[in-house]
Amino acid sequence: MALFLTKDLDDPVHLRIGVWQISESEAELRAMTSIPSDELEEISYIKSESLRKQKLAVRALLDAMFEDKVYLSHHDNGKPYIENDATNISITHTDKYVAIILSTEAEVGIDCESLDRDFSAVEKKALSEDEIDDLDDNKRNEQLAIYWCSKEAIYKLTSQYDVDFAEQIELDNFRFRDEGDLDATFTDDDGYEQEYELHYFTFDRHVLVWVTD
């Protein structure tokens, strides 16, 4: 069992974060999880072994964080929800880790990425001119990773279609640290602005970002 970490946070609402390190084989993950048959059938159609393992690791993490068996489903927009529990959930996965965030008090969004990935494409497709101007050349890739994760987390939280990351999600200037807080503004299609505070920490050359409403 590779439960990497859990975090319980209470500011401003109670949250629980869990991270699973994918160290098992696909067969080992299947054997250790109490996955419902419909989920297992859906996973079996996935061609990528890495993605199948990520999906199975999510189920293993759910088993570790809930006392009772829960049933995971998705809305039409892709947002996950638990069929038999009122807890709000957001999910993220990389080749090496999966993570979830849970809250009964707020909507949540989470994203995780490897800091060894090249994020240069993010600058053109997801950043505003002001955000590009604020980039630190010494930690450019790490900053871009946090920009991307932050905007993905807000996107998952808001559950809106066709969000323009560069135009609709604006992060205040920040400098990369091992952990920290970020302020962001999301502008919806009607021009309404919503302020968010995000939080992040790094581990094993990965960064994890989360946000609540």
N, C-alpha and C. Protein backbone atom coordinates (compact mmCIF):
# COMPACT_ATOMS: atom_id res chain seq x y z
N MET A 1 0.85 -1.19 0.00
CA MET A 1 0.00 0.00 0.00
C MET A 1 0.88 1.23 0.00
N ALA A 2 0.60 2.15 -0.92
CA ALA A 2 1.49 3.30 -1.08
C ALA A 2 0.77 4.61 -0.83
N LEU A 3 0.10 4.71 0.33
CA LEU A 3 -0.47 5.99 0.73
C LEU A 3 0.68 6.90 1.09
N PHE A 4 0.92 7.92 0.27
CA PHE A 4 2.10 8.77 0.43
C PHE A 4 1.91 9.78 1.55
N LEU A 5 0.76 10.44 1.59
CA LEU A 5 0.50 11.40 2.66
C LEU A 5 -0.98 11.73 2.72
N THR A 6 -1.41 12.18 3.89
CA THR A 6 -2.73 12.79 4.05
C THR A 6 -2.53 14.08 4.83
N LYS A 7 -3.36 15.07 4.50
CA LYS A 7 -3.34 16.35 5.20
C LYS A 7 -4.77 16.72 5.60
N ASP A 8 -4.95 17.08 6.86
CA ASP A 8 -6.22 17.62 7.32
C ASP A 8 -6.02 19.10 7.60
N LEU A 9 -6.83 19.94 6.96
CA LEU A 9 -6.69 21.39 7.06
C LEU A 9 -8.02 21.98 7.50
N ASP A 10 -7.96 23.06 8.28
CA ASP A 10 -9.18 23.65 8.83
C ASP A 10 -9.27 25.15 8.64
N ASP A 11 -8.60 25.69 7.65
CA ASP A 11 -8.62 27.13 7.44
C ASP A 11 -8.86 27.44 5.97
N PRO A 12 -10.00 28.04 5.61
CA PRO A 12 -11.12 28.47 6.48
C PRO A 12 -12.17 27.38 6.68
N VAL A 13 -12.13 26.31 5.87
CA VAL A 13 -13.07 25.19 6.03
C VAL A 13 -12.27 23.91 6.17
N HIS A 14 -12.93 22.87 6.65
CA HIS A 14 -12.22 21.60 6.81
C HIS A 14 -12.02 20.93 5.46
N LEU A 15 -10.79 20.54 5.21
CA LEU A 15 -10.41 19.84 3.98
C LEU A 15 -9.57 18.63 4.34
N ARG A 16 -9.61 17.65 3.48
CA ARG A 16 -8.70 16.51 3.62
C ARG A 16 -8.08 16.22 2.27
N ILE A 17 -6.76 16.17 2.25
CA ILE A 17 -6.01 15.88 1.02
C ILE A 17 -5.30 14.54 1.19
N GLY A 18 -5.36 13.71 0.16
CA GLY A 18 -4.64 12.46 0.16
C GLY A 18 -3.83 12.29 -1.11
N VAL A 19 -2.64 11.75 -0.98
CA VAL A 19 -1.76 11.52 -2.12
C VAL A 19 -1.30 10.06 -2.10
N TRP A 20 -1.41 9.40 -3.26
CA TRP A 20 -1.00 8.00 -3.40
C TRP A 20 0.15 7.92 -4.39
N GLN A 21 1.22 7.27 -3.99
CA GLN A 21 2.36 7.04 -4.88
C GLN A 21 2.13 5.73 -5.62
N ILE A 22 2.16 5.78 -6.95
CA ILE A 22 1.87 4.59 -7.75
C ILE A 22 3.15 3.76 -7.88
N SER A 23 3.32 2.83 -6.95
CA SER A 23 4.49 1.96 -6.96
C SER A 23 4.12 0.52 -7.28
N GLU A 24 2.81 0.24 -7.37
CA GLU A 24 2.34 -1.12 -7.59
C GLU A 24 2.18 -1.42 -9.09
N SER A 25 2.12 -2.68 -9.40
CA SER A 25 1.76 -3.10 -10.75
C SER A 25 0.25 -2.95 -10.92
N GLU A 26 -0.21 -3.03 -12.16
CA GLU A 26 -1.65 -2.96 -12.40
C GLU A 26 -2.39 -4.10 -11.70
N ALA A 27 -1.82 -5.29 -11.74
CA ALA A 27 -2.45 -6.44 -11.09
C ALA A 27 -2.52 -6.24 -9.58
N GLU A 28 -1.48 -5.69 -8.98
CA GLU A 28 -1.49 -5.44 -7.54
C GLU A 28 -2.55 -4.41 -7.17
N LEU A 29 -2.68 -3.37 -7.98
CA LEU A 29 -3.70 -2.35 -7.71
C LEU A 29 -5.10 -2.94 -7.82
N ARG A 30 -5.31 -3.78 -8.82
CA ARG A 30 -6.63 -4.41 -8.97
C ARG A 30 -6.95 -5.29 -7.75
N ALA A 31 -5.95 -6.00 -7.27
CA ALA A 31 -6.16 -6.94 -6.17
C ALA A 31 -6.44 -6.22 -4.85
N MET A 32 -5.90 -5.02 -4.66
CA MET A 32 -6.01 -4.35 -3.37
C MET A 32 -7.22 -3.41 -3.28
N THR A 33 -7.93 -3.19 -4.38
CA THR A 33 -9.01 -2.22 -4.37
C THR A 33 -10.38 -2.90 -4.43
N SER A 34 -11.34 -2.26 -3.78
CA SER A 34 -12.72 -2.76 -3.81
C SER A 34 -13.49 -1.98 -4.88
N ILE A 35 -13.03 -2.10 -6.10
CA ILE A 35 -13.58 -1.28 -7.17
C ILE A 35 -14.90 -1.85 -7.68
N PRO A 36 -15.93 -1.02 -7.80
CA PRO A 36 -17.21 -1.50 -8.34
C PRO A 36 -17.05 -2.02 -9.76
N SER A 37 -17.89 -2.97 -10.14
CA SER A 37 -17.75 -3.64 -11.43
C SER A 37 -17.89 -2.68 -12.61
N ASP A 38 -18.77 -1.67 -12.49
CA ASP A 38 -18.93 -0.75 -13.61
C ASP A 38 -17.70 0.13 -13.80
N GLU A 39 -17.07 0.53 -12.68
CA GLU A 39 -15.82 1.30 -12.78
C GLU A 39 -14.72 0.44 -13.40
N LEU A 40 -14.64 -0.82 -12.96
CA LEU A 40 -13.61 -1.72 -13.47
C LEU A 40 -13.79 -1.96 -14.97
N GLU A 41 -15.03 -2.10 -15.39
CA GLU A 41 -15.29 -2.29 -16.82
C GLU A 41 -14.86 -1.06 -17.62
N GLU A 42 -15.16 0.11 -17.10
CA GLU A 42 -14.77 1.36 -17.77
C GLU A 42 -13.26 1.47 -17.88
N ILE A 43 -12.56 1.12 -16.80
CA ILE A 43 -11.10 1.19 -16.80
C ILE A 43 -10.50 0.19 -17.79
N SER A 44 -11.13 -0.96 -17.94
CA SER A 44 -10.59 -2.01 -18.82
C SER A 44 -10.54 -1.56 -20.28
N TYR A 45 -11.35 -0.58 -20.65
CA TYR A 45 -11.37 -0.09 -22.03
C TYR A 45 -10.26 0.93 -22.31
N ILE A 46 -9.57 1.39 -21.27
CA ILE A 46 -8.50 2.37 -21.45
C ILE A 46 -7.27 1.68 -22.03
N LYS A 47 -6.74 2.19 -23.13
CA LYS A 47 -5.61 1.54 -23.81
C LYS A 47 -4.29 1.74 -23.07
N SER A 48 -4.11 2.89 -22.45
CA SER A 48 -2.85 3.21 -21.79
C SER A 48 -2.75 2.51 -20.44
N GLU A 49 -1.70 1.70 -20.26
CA GLU A 49 -1.49 1.05 -18.96
C GLU A 49 -1.28 2.08 -17.86
N SER A 50 -0.52 3.14 -18.17
CA SER A 50 -0.26 4.17 -17.17
C SER A 50 -1.55 4.81 -16.69
N LEU A 51 -2.46 5.10 -17.61
CA LEU A 51 -3.73 5.72 -17.22
C LEU A 51 -4.61 4.74 -16.46
N ARG A 52 -4.58 3.46 -16.85
CA ARG A 52 -5.35 2.45 -16.10
C ARG A 52 -4.85 2.39 -14.65
N LYS A 53 -3.54 2.42 -14.47
CA LYS A 53 -2.97 2.38 -13.12
C LYS A 53 -3.35 3.63 -12.32
N GLN A 54 -3.38 4.77 -12.99
CA GLN A 54 -3.78 6.00 -12.30
C GLN A 54 -5.22 5.90 -11.81
N LYS A 55 -6.10 5.38 -12.65
CA LYS A 55 -7.51 5.24 -12.27
C LYS A 55 -7.66 4.24 -11.11
N LEU A 56 -6.91 3.15 -11.16
CA LEU A 56 -6.96 2.18 -10.08
C LEU A 56 -6.38 2.75 -8.79
N ALA A 57 -5.34 3.57 -8.91
CA ALA A 57 -4.74 4.20 -7.73
C ALA A 57 -5.71 5.19 -7.08
N VAL A 58 -6.52 5.87 -7.89
CA VAL A 58 -7.56 6.74 -7.33
C VAL A 58 -8.51 5.92 -6.46
N ARG A 59 -8.91 4.76 -6.96
CA ARG A 59 -9.80 3.89 -6.19
C ARG A 59 -9.11 3.42 -4.91
N ALA A 60 -7.82 3.08 -4.98
CA ALA A 60 -7.09 2.66 -3.78
C ALA A 60 -7.04 3.80 -2.77
N LEU A 61 -6.87 5.02 -3.25
CA LEU A 61 -6.82 6.18 -2.36
C LEU A 61 -8.19 6.44 -1.73
N LEU A 62 -9.26 6.28 -2.50
CA LEU A 62 -10.60 6.41 -1.95
C LEU A 62 -10.84 5.37 -0.85
N ASP A 63 -10.40 4.15 -1.10
CA ASP A 63 -10.55 3.10 -0.08
C ASP A 63 -9.81 3.46 1.20
N ALA A 64 -8.66 4.11 1.05
CA ALA A 64 -7.85 4.47 2.22
C ALA A 64 -8.44 5.65 2.99
N MET A 65 -9.21 6.50 2.31
CA MET A 65 -9.68 7.74 2.95
C MET A 65 -11.13 7.69 3.41
N PHE A 66 -11.86 6.67 2.97
CA PHE A 66 -13.24 6.51 3.42
C PHE A 66 -13.39 5.20 4.17
N GLU A 67 -14.13 5.23 5.27
CA GLU A 67 -14.37 4.01 6.03
C GLU A 67 -15.27 3.06 5.26
N ASP A 68 -16.29 3.61 4.61
CA ASP A 68 -17.24 2.80 3.85
C ASP A 68 -16.93 2.89 2.36
N LYS A 69 -17.40 1.91 1.62
CA LYS A 69 -17.19 1.90 0.18
C LYS A 69 -17.96 3.05 -0.46
N VAL A 70 -17.30 3.78 -1.33
CA VAL A 70 -17.96 4.88 -2.03
C VAL A 70 -17.98 4.59 -3.52
N TYR A 71 -18.95 5.20 -4.19
CA TYR A 71 -19.14 4.98 -5.62
C TYR A 71 -18.87 6.29 -6.35
N LEU A 72 -17.87 6.27 -7.20
CA LEU A 72 -17.41 7.46 -7.90
C LEU A 72 -18.09 7.56 -9.26
N SER A 73 -18.58 8.74 -9.57
CA SER A 73 -19.18 8.99 -10.87
C SER A 73 -18.77 10.38 -11.33
N HIS A 74 -19.27 10.78 -12.52
CA HIS A 74 -18.89 12.07 -13.09
C HIS A 74 -20.11 12.75 -13.72
N HIS A 75 -20.19 14.05 -13.52
CA HIS A 75 -21.21 14.84 -14.20
C HIS A 75 -20.90 14.91 -15.70
N ASP A 76 -21.84 15.44 -16.46
CA ASP A 76 -21.64 15.56 -17.91
C ASP A 76 -20.43 16.42 -18.27
N ASN A 77 -20.08 17.38 -17.40
CA ASN A 77 -18.92 18.23 -17.66
C ASN A 77 -17.60 17.61 -17.20
N GLY A 78 -17.67 16.37 -16.70
CA GLY A 78 -16.46 15.66 -16.28
C GLY A 78 -16.13 15.79 -14.81
N LYS A 79 -16.85 16.65 -14.07
CA LYS A 79 -16.53 16.85 -12.66
C LYS A 79 -16.92 15.60 -11.86
N PRO A 80 -16.01 15.08 -11.04
CA PRO A 80 -16.33 13.87 -10.28
C PRO A 80 -17.24 14.16 -9.09
N TYR A 81 -18.01 13.17 -8.71
CA TYR A 81 -18.80 13.25 -7.49
C TYR A 81 -18.96 11.85 -6.93
N ILE A 82 -19.29 11.79 -5.64
CA ILE A 82 -19.49 10.52 -4.97
C ILE A 82 -20.98 10.26 -4.86
N GLU A 83 -21.44 9.16 -5.40
CA GLU A 83 -22.87 8.89 -5.50
C GLU A 83 -23.53 8.71 -4.14
N ASN A 84 -22.83 8.08 -3.21
CA ASN A 84 -23.45 7.71 -1.94
C ASN A 84 -22.89 8.48 -0.75
N ASP A 85 -22.36 9.67 -1.00
CA ASP A 85 -21.80 10.48 0.07
C ASP A 85 -21.86 11.95 -0.36
N ALA A 86 -22.14 12.84 0.60
CA ALA A 86 -22.29 14.26 0.29
C ALA A 86 -20.96 15.01 0.21
N THR A 87 -19.86 14.31 0.40
CA THR A 87 -18.55 14.96 0.37
C THR A 87 -18.19 15.41 -1.04
N ASN A 88 -17.75 16.66 -1.17
CA ASN A 88 -17.26 17.18 -2.45
C ASN A 88 -15.85 16.65 -2.70
N ILE A 89 -15.53 16.39 -3.96
CA ILE A 89 -14.25 15.78 -4.30
C ILE A 89 -13.68 16.39 -5.57
N SER A 90 -12.37 16.49 -5.62
CA SER A 90 -11.66 16.80 -6.86
C SER A 90 -10.46 15.86 -6.94
N ILE A 91 -10.08 15.50 -8.16
CA ILE A 91 -9.08 14.45 -8.38
C ILE A 91 -8.03 14.94 -9.36
N THR A 92 -6.79 14.53 -9.15
CA THR A 92 -5.73 14.82 -10.10
C THR A 92 -4.77 13.63 -10.13
N HIS A 93 -4.12 13.44 -11.28
CA HIS A 93 -3.15 12.34 -11.34
C HIS A 93 -2.03 12.65 -12.33
N THR A 94 -0.85 12.10 -11.99
CA THR A 94 0.32 12.13 -12.86
C THR A 94 0.76 10.69 -13.05
N ASP A 95 1.84 10.48 -13.78
CA ASP A 95 2.34 9.12 -13.97
C ASP A 95 2.73 8.46 -12.65
N LYS A 96 3.16 9.27 -11.68
CA LYS A 96 3.72 8.74 -10.45
C LYS A 96 2.81 8.88 -9.23
N TYR A 97 1.92 9.86 -9.26
CA TYR A 97 1.08 10.13 -8.08
C TYR A 97 -0.36 10.41 -8.51
N VAL A 98 -1.29 10.06 -7.61
CA VAL A 98 -2.67 10.56 -7.72
C VAL A 98 -2.98 11.27 -6.41
N ALA A 99 -3.86 12.26 -6.49
CA ALA A 99 -4.24 13.00 -5.29
C ALA A 99 -5.72 13.35 -5.37
N ILE A 100 -6.36 13.41 -4.20
CA ILE A 100 -7.74 13.87 -4.11
C ILE A 100 -7.85 14.87 -2.98
N ILE A 101 -8.85 15.75 -3.08
CA ILE A 101 -9.19 16.67 -2.01
C ILE A 101 -10.66 16.49 -1.71
N LEU A 102 -11.01 16.50 -0.42
CA LEU A 102 -12.37 16.23 0.04
C LEU A 102 -12.83 17.34 0.97
N SER A 103 -14.11 17.70 0.87
CA SER A 103 -14.70 18.66 1.80
C SER A 103 -16.21 18.49 1.82
N THR A 104 -16.78 18.53 3.02
CA THR A 104 -18.24 18.53 3.15
C THR A 104 -18.77 19.96 3.23
N GLU A 105 -17.87 20.95 3.27
CA GLU A 105 -18.28 22.33 3.51
C GLU A 105 -18.13 23.24 2.29
N ALA A 106 -17.35 22.84 1.30
CA ALA A 106 -17.06 23.74 0.18
C ALA A 106 -16.82 22.93 -1.09
N GLU A 107 -17.02 23.59 -2.22
CA GLU A 107 -16.57 23.03 -3.49
C GLU A 107 -15.04 23.12 -3.54
N VAL A 108 -14.41 22.17 -4.23
CA VAL A 108 -12.95 22.09 -4.20
C VAL A 108 -12.38 21.84 -5.59
N GLY A 109 -11.13 22.21 -5.77
CA GLY A 109 -10.40 21.92 -6.99
C GLY A 109 -8.95 21.64 -6.66
N ILE A 110 -8.35 20.67 -7.35
CA ILE A 110 -6.96 20.30 -7.07
C ILE A 110 -6.27 19.94 -8.37
N ASP A 111 -4.97 20.20 -8.42
CA ASP A 111 -4.18 19.76 -9.57
C ASP A 111 -2.74 19.51 -9.13
N CYS A 112 -2.10 18.56 -9.80
CA CYS A 112 -0.73 18.18 -9.47
C CYS A 112 0.02 17.94 -10.77
N GLU A 113 1.28 18.35 -10.81
CA GLU A 113 2.13 18.13 -11.98
C GLU A 113 3.56 17.86 -11.53
N SER A 114 4.28 17.13 -12.37
CA SER A 114 5.72 16.93 -12.17
C SER A 114 6.48 18.18 -12.57
N LEU A 115 7.39 18.63 -11.72
CA LEU A 115 8.20 19.81 -12.04
C LEU A 115 9.27 19.50 -13.07
N ASP A 116 9.44 18.23 -13.42
CA ASP A 116 10.40 17.86 -14.46
C ASP A 116 9.80 17.92 -15.85
N ARG A 117 8.51 18.15 -15.95
CA ARG A 117 7.85 18.32 -17.24
C ARG A 117 8.19 19.70 -17.81
N ASP A 118 8.26 19.80 -19.11
CA ASP A 118 8.52 21.07 -19.79
C ASP A 118 7.19 21.83 -19.92
N PHE A 119 7.09 22.99 -19.27
CA PHE A 119 5.86 23.78 -19.28
C PHE A 119 5.96 25.01 -20.18
N SER A 120 6.90 25.02 -21.09
CA SER A 120 7.09 26.20 -21.93
C SER A 120 5.85 26.53 -22.76
N ALA A 121 5.09 25.51 -23.17
CA ALA A 121 3.90 25.76 -23.97
C ALA A 121 2.81 26.49 -23.19
N VAL A 122 2.85 26.38 -21.87
CA VAL A 122 1.84 27.02 -21.03
C VAL A 122 1.89 28.54 -21.18
N GLU A 123 3.09 29.07 -21.38
CA GLU A 123 3.25 30.52 -21.46
C GLU A 123 2.39 31.12 -22.56
N LYS A 124 2.34 30.47 -23.71
CA LYS A 124 1.61 31.02 -24.85
C LYS A 124 0.11 30.74 -24.77
N LYS A 125 -0.27 29.58 -24.25
CA LYS A 125 -1.68 29.21 -24.32
C LYS A 125 -2.48 29.52 -23.06
N ALA A 126 -1.83 29.83 -21.94
CA ALA A 126 -2.59 29.96 -20.70
C ALA A 126 -2.28 31.20 -19.88
N LEU A 127 -1.29 32.01 -20.27
CA LEU A 127 -0.90 33.16 -19.47
C LEU A 127 -1.27 34.47 -20.15
N SER A 128 -1.62 35.45 -19.33
CA SER A 128 -1.85 36.80 -19.83
C SER A 128 -0.50 37.50 -20.03
N GLU A 129 -0.54 38.66 -20.66
CA GLU A 129 0.70 39.42 -20.87
C GLU A 129 1.32 39.82 -19.53
N ASP A 130 0.48 40.23 -18.58
CA ASP A 130 1.01 40.61 -17.26
C ASP A 130 1.66 39.42 -16.56
N GLU A 131 1.06 38.25 -16.66
CA GLU A 131 1.64 37.07 -16.03
C GLU A 131 2.97 36.70 -16.68
N ILE A 132 3.04 36.82 -17.99
CA ILE A 132 4.30 36.54 -18.70
C ILE A 132 5.39 37.51 -18.24
N ASP A 133 5.04 38.77 -18.11
CA ASP A 133 6.01 39.78 -17.67
C ASP A 133 6.53 39.50 -16.27
N ASP A 134 5.72 38.81 -15.44
CA ASP A 134 6.10 38.54 -14.05
C ASP A 134 6.96 37.29 -13.89
N LEU A 135 7.20 36.55 -14.97
CA LEU A 135 7.96 35.31 -14.85
C LEU A 135 9.40 35.58 -14.43
N ASP A 136 9.91 34.71 -13.59
CA ASP A 136 11.28 34.77 -13.08
C ASP A 136 12.14 33.82 -13.92
N ASP A 137 13.10 34.34 -14.63
CA ASP A 137 13.92 33.51 -15.52
C ASP A 137 14.63 32.39 -14.77
N ASN A 138 14.97 32.61 -13.50
CA ASN A 138 15.70 31.60 -12.73
C ASN A 138 14.84 30.40 -12.34
N LYS A 139 13.53 30.61 -12.23
CA LYS A 139 12.61 29.54 -11.85
C LYS A 139 11.42 29.51 -12.81
N ARG A 140 11.68 29.75 -14.06
CA ARG A 140 10.61 29.93 -15.04
C ARG A 140 9.72 28.69 -15.16
N ASN A 141 10.33 27.52 -15.32
CA ASN A 141 9.53 26.30 -15.51
C ASN A 141 8.71 25.98 -14.27
N GLU A 142 9.29 26.17 -13.08
CA GLU A 142 8.56 25.91 -11.85
C GLU A 142 7.38 26.87 -11.70
N GLN A 143 7.61 28.15 -12.05
CA GLN A 143 6.52 29.12 -11.99
C GLN A 143 5.41 28.76 -12.97
N LEU A 144 5.80 28.37 -14.17
CA LEU A 144 4.81 27.99 -15.17
C LEU A 144 3.99 26.79 -14.70
N ALA A 145 4.64 25.85 -14.01
CA ALA A 145 3.94 24.68 -13.48
C ALA A 145 2.87 25.11 -12.48
N ILE A 146 3.20 26.07 -11.62
CA ILE A 146 2.24 26.53 -10.63
C ILE A 146 1.12 27.33 -11.28
N TYR A 147 1.45 28.15 -12.28
CA TYR A 147 0.41 28.84 -13.04
C TYR A 147 -0.58 27.83 -13.62
N TRP A 148 -0.05 26.81 -14.25
CA TRP A 148 -0.91 25.82 -14.90
C TRP A 148 -1.77 25.08 -13.88
N CYS A 149 -1.15 24.58 -12.81
CA CYS A 149 -1.90 23.85 -11.79
C CYS A 149 -2.96 24.73 -11.14
N SER A 150 -2.63 25.99 -10.90
CA SER A 150 -3.57 26.91 -10.27
C SER A 150 -4.79 27.13 -11.16
N LYS A 151 -4.54 27.34 -12.44
CA LYS A 151 -5.65 27.59 -13.36
C LYS A 151 -6.48 26.32 -13.57
N GLU A 152 -5.82 25.17 -13.59
CA GLU A 152 -6.55 23.91 -13.69
C GLU A 152 -7.42 23.69 -12.44
N ALA A 153 -6.89 24.00 -11.27
CA ALA A 153 -7.65 23.81 -10.03
C ALA A 153 -8.89 24.70 -10.01
N ILE A 154 -8.74 25.95 -10.45
CA ILE A 154 -9.89 26.86 -10.51
C ILE A 154 -10.89 26.37 -11.56
N TYR A 155 -10.39 25.91 -12.69
CA TYR A 155 -11.26 25.37 -13.75
C TYR A 155 -12.08 24.20 -13.22
N LYS A 156 -11.43 23.31 -12.47
CA LYS A 156 -12.14 22.16 -11.90
C LYS A 156 -13.17 22.62 -10.87
N LEU A 157 -12.83 23.64 -10.09
CA LEU A 157 -13.74 24.15 -9.08
C LEU A 157 -14.98 24.77 -9.70
N THR A 158 -14.80 25.60 -10.71
CA THR A 158 -15.92 26.35 -11.29
C THR A 158 -16.79 25.48 -12.20
N SER A 159 -16.20 24.44 -12.79
CA SER A 159 -16.95 23.51 -13.65
C SER A 159 -17.63 24.20 -14.82
N GLN A 160 -17.01 25.23 -15.37
CA GLN A 160 -17.58 25.94 -16.51
C GLN A 160 -16.91 25.46 -17.80
N TYR A 161 -17.66 25.52 -18.88
CA TYR A 161 -17.17 25.05 -20.16
C TYR A 161 -16.34 26.14 -20.84
N ASP A 162 -15.38 25.70 -21.67
CA ASP A 162 -14.64 26.58 -22.59
C ASP A 162 -14.03 27.79 -21.90
N VAL A 163 -13.38 27.57 -20.77
CA VAL A 163 -12.72 28.66 -20.06
C VAL A 163 -11.41 29.01 -20.77
N ASP A 164 -11.21 30.30 -21.02
CA ASP A 164 -9.96 30.80 -21.60
C ASP A 164 -9.01 31.09 -20.44
N PHE A 165 -8.00 30.22 -20.25
CA PHE A 165 -7.11 30.36 -19.10
C PHE A 165 -6.38 31.70 -19.09
N ALA A 166 -6.00 32.20 -20.25
CA ALA A 166 -5.25 33.44 -20.33
C ALA A 166 -6.11 34.66 -20.04
N GLU A 167 -7.37 34.61 -20.50
CA GLU A 167 -8.25 35.77 -20.39
C GLU A 167 -9.11 35.76 -19.13
N GLN A 168 -9.50 34.59 -18.66
CA GLN A 168 -10.49 34.52 -17.59
C GLN A 168 -9.93 34.19 -16.22
N ILE A 169 -8.71 33.66 -16.16
CA ILE A 169 -8.11 33.34 -14.86
C ILE A 169 -6.79 34.09 -14.74
N GLU A 170 -6.73 35.03 -13.81
CA GLU A 170 -5.54 35.89 -13.65
C GLU A 170 -4.96 35.69 -12.26
N LEU A 171 -3.68 35.31 -12.21
CA LEU A 171 -2.99 35.15 -10.93
C LEU A 171 -2.16 36.39 -10.61
N ASP A 172 -2.17 36.77 -9.33
CA ASP A 172 -1.31 37.86 -8.89
C ASP A 172 0.15 37.41 -8.94
N ASN A 173 1.02 38.38 -9.01
CA ASN A 173 2.46 38.11 -9.07
C ASN A 173 2.91 37.27 -7.86
N PHE A 174 3.75 36.28 -8.10
CA PHE A 174 4.29 35.48 -7.01
C PHE A 174 5.68 34.98 -7.41
N ARG A 175 6.43 34.50 -6.44
CA ARG A 175 7.73 33.88 -6.69
C ARG A 175 7.70 32.46 -6.17
N PHE A 176 8.33 31.56 -6.89
CA PHE A 176 8.31 30.14 -6.55
C PHE A 176 9.00 29.89 -5.21
N ARG A 177 8.30 29.15 -4.35
CA ARG A 177 8.86 28.63 -3.11
C ARG A 177 8.43 27.18 -2.97
N ASP A 178 8.94 26.51 -1.95
CA ASP A 178 8.56 25.11 -1.75
C ASP A 178 7.08 24.97 -1.39
N GLU A 179 6.53 25.99 -0.75
CA GLU A 179 5.10 26.02 -0.47
C GLU A 179 4.67 27.47 -0.32
N GLY A 180 3.39 27.72 -0.57
CA GLY A 180 2.95 29.11 -0.47
C GLY A 180 1.48 29.26 -0.82
N ASP A 181 1.06 30.53 -0.87
CA ASP A 181 -0.32 30.90 -1.19
C ASP A 181 -0.33 31.79 -2.43
N LEU A 182 -1.45 31.76 -3.13
CA LEU A 182 -1.61 32.55 -4.36
C LEU A 182 -2.98 33.19 -4.36
N ASP A 183 -3.08 34.36 -4.96
CA ASP A 183 -4.37 35.02 -5.16
C ASP A 183 -4.68 35.04 -6.64
N ALA A 184 -5.94 34.79 -6.96
CA ALA A 184 -6.35 34.73 -8.36
C ALA A 184 -7.75 35.32 -8.52
N THR A 185 -8.05 35.75 -9.74
CA THR A 185 -9.37 36.25 -10.09
C THR A 185 -9.90 35.46 -11.27
N PHE A 186 -11.11 34.94 -11.12
CA PHE A 186 -11.78 34.27 -12.22
C PHE A 186 -12.92 35.14 -12.71
N THR A 187 -12.97 35.40 -14.02
CA THR A 187 -14.03 36.18 -14.63
C THR A 187 -14.89 35.26 -15.48
N ASP A 188 -16.18 35.15 -15.14
CA ASP A 188 -17.03 34.24 -15.90
C ASP A 188 -17.50 34.88 -17.21
N ASP A 189 -18.29 34.14 -17.96
CA ASP A 189 -18.70 34.61 -19.29
C ASP A 189 -19.57 35.87 -19.23
N ASP A 190 -20.19 36.13 -18.07
CA ASP A 190 -21.03 37.32 -17.91
C ASP A 190 -20.25 38.51 -17.36
N GLY A 191 -18.94 38.33 -17.15
CA GLY A 191 -18.11 39.42 -16.65
C GLY A 191 -18.05 39.51 -15.14
N TYR A 192 -18.68 38.57 -14.44
CA TYR A 192 -18.64 38.58 -12.97
C TYR A 192 -17.27 38.06 -12.50
N GLU A 193 -16.66 38.79 -11.54
CA GLU A 193 -15.33 38.43 -11.04
C GLU A 193 -15.43 37.78 -9.67
N GLN A 194 -14.70 36.69 -9.51
CA GLN A 194 -14.65 35.98 -8.23
C GLN A 194 -13.19 35.84 -7.80
N GLU A 195 -12.90 36.27 -6.56
CA GLU A 195 -11.54 36.17 -6.03
C GLU A 195 -11.34 34.81 -5.35
N TYR A 196 -10.15 34.22 -5.56
CA TYR A 196 -9.81 32.94 -4.93
C TYR A 196 -8.42 33.03 -4.30
N GLU A 197 -8.28 32.32 -3.19
CA GLU A 197 -6.95 32.11 -2.61
C GLU A 197 -6.59 30.64 -2.79
N LEU A 198 -5.46 30.40 -3.41
CA LEU A 198 -4.99 29.04 -3.64
C LEU A 198 -3.80 28.75 -2.73
N HIS A 199 -3.53 27.47 -2.55
CA HIS A 199 -2.42 27.04 -1.71
C HIS A 199 -1.66 25.94 -2.45
N TYR A 200 -0.38 25.87 -2.21
CA TYR A 200 0.41 24.83 -2.88
C TYR A 200 1.56 24.37 -2.00
N PHE A 201 2.03 23.16 -2.28
CA PHE A 201 3.28 22.67 -1.70
C PHE A 201 3.95 21.74 -2.71
N THR A 202 5.23 21.55 -2.54
CA THR A 202 6.00 20.69 -3.44
C THR A 202 6.48 19.45 -2.69
N PHE A 203 6.64 18.37 -3.45
CA PHE A 203 7.15 17.12 -2.88
C PHE A 203 7.70 16.28 -4.03
N ASP A 204 8.83 15.67 -3.82
CA ASP A 204 9.40 14.72 -4.78
C ASP A 204 9.33 15.26 -6.22
N ARG A 205 9.76 16.49 -6.42
CA ARG A 205 9.77 17.14 -7.74
C ARG A 205 8.37 17.21 -8.36
N HIS A 206 7.35 17.35 -7.52
CA HIS A 206 5.98 17.59 -7.95
C HIS A 206 5.45 18.81 -7.22
N VAL A 207 4.45 19.45 -7.80
CA VAL A 207 3.75 20.53 -7.11
C VAL A 207 2.27 20.18 -7.08
N LEU A 208 1.62 20.45 -5.94
CA LEU A 208 0.20 20.21 -5.78
C LEU A 208 -0.46 21.52 -5.35
N VAL A 209 -1.52 21.90 -6.05
CA VAL A 209 -2.23 23.16 -5.81
C VAL A 209 -3.70 22.85 -5.53
N TRP A 210 -4.31 23.55 -4.55
CA TRP A 210 -5.72 23.36 -4.31
C TRP A 210 -6.41 24.68 -4.02
N VAL A 211 -7.75 24.67 -4.20
CA VAL A 211 -8.55 25.87 -4.01
C VAL A 211 -9.94 25.46 -3.55
N THR A 212 -10.59 26.33 -2.78
CA THR A 212 -11.98 26.13 -2.37
C THR A 212 -12.79 27.38 -2.70
N ASP A 213 -14.11 27.23 -2.71
CA ASP A 213 -14.93 28.42 -2.98
C ASP A 213 -15.31 29.14 -1.70
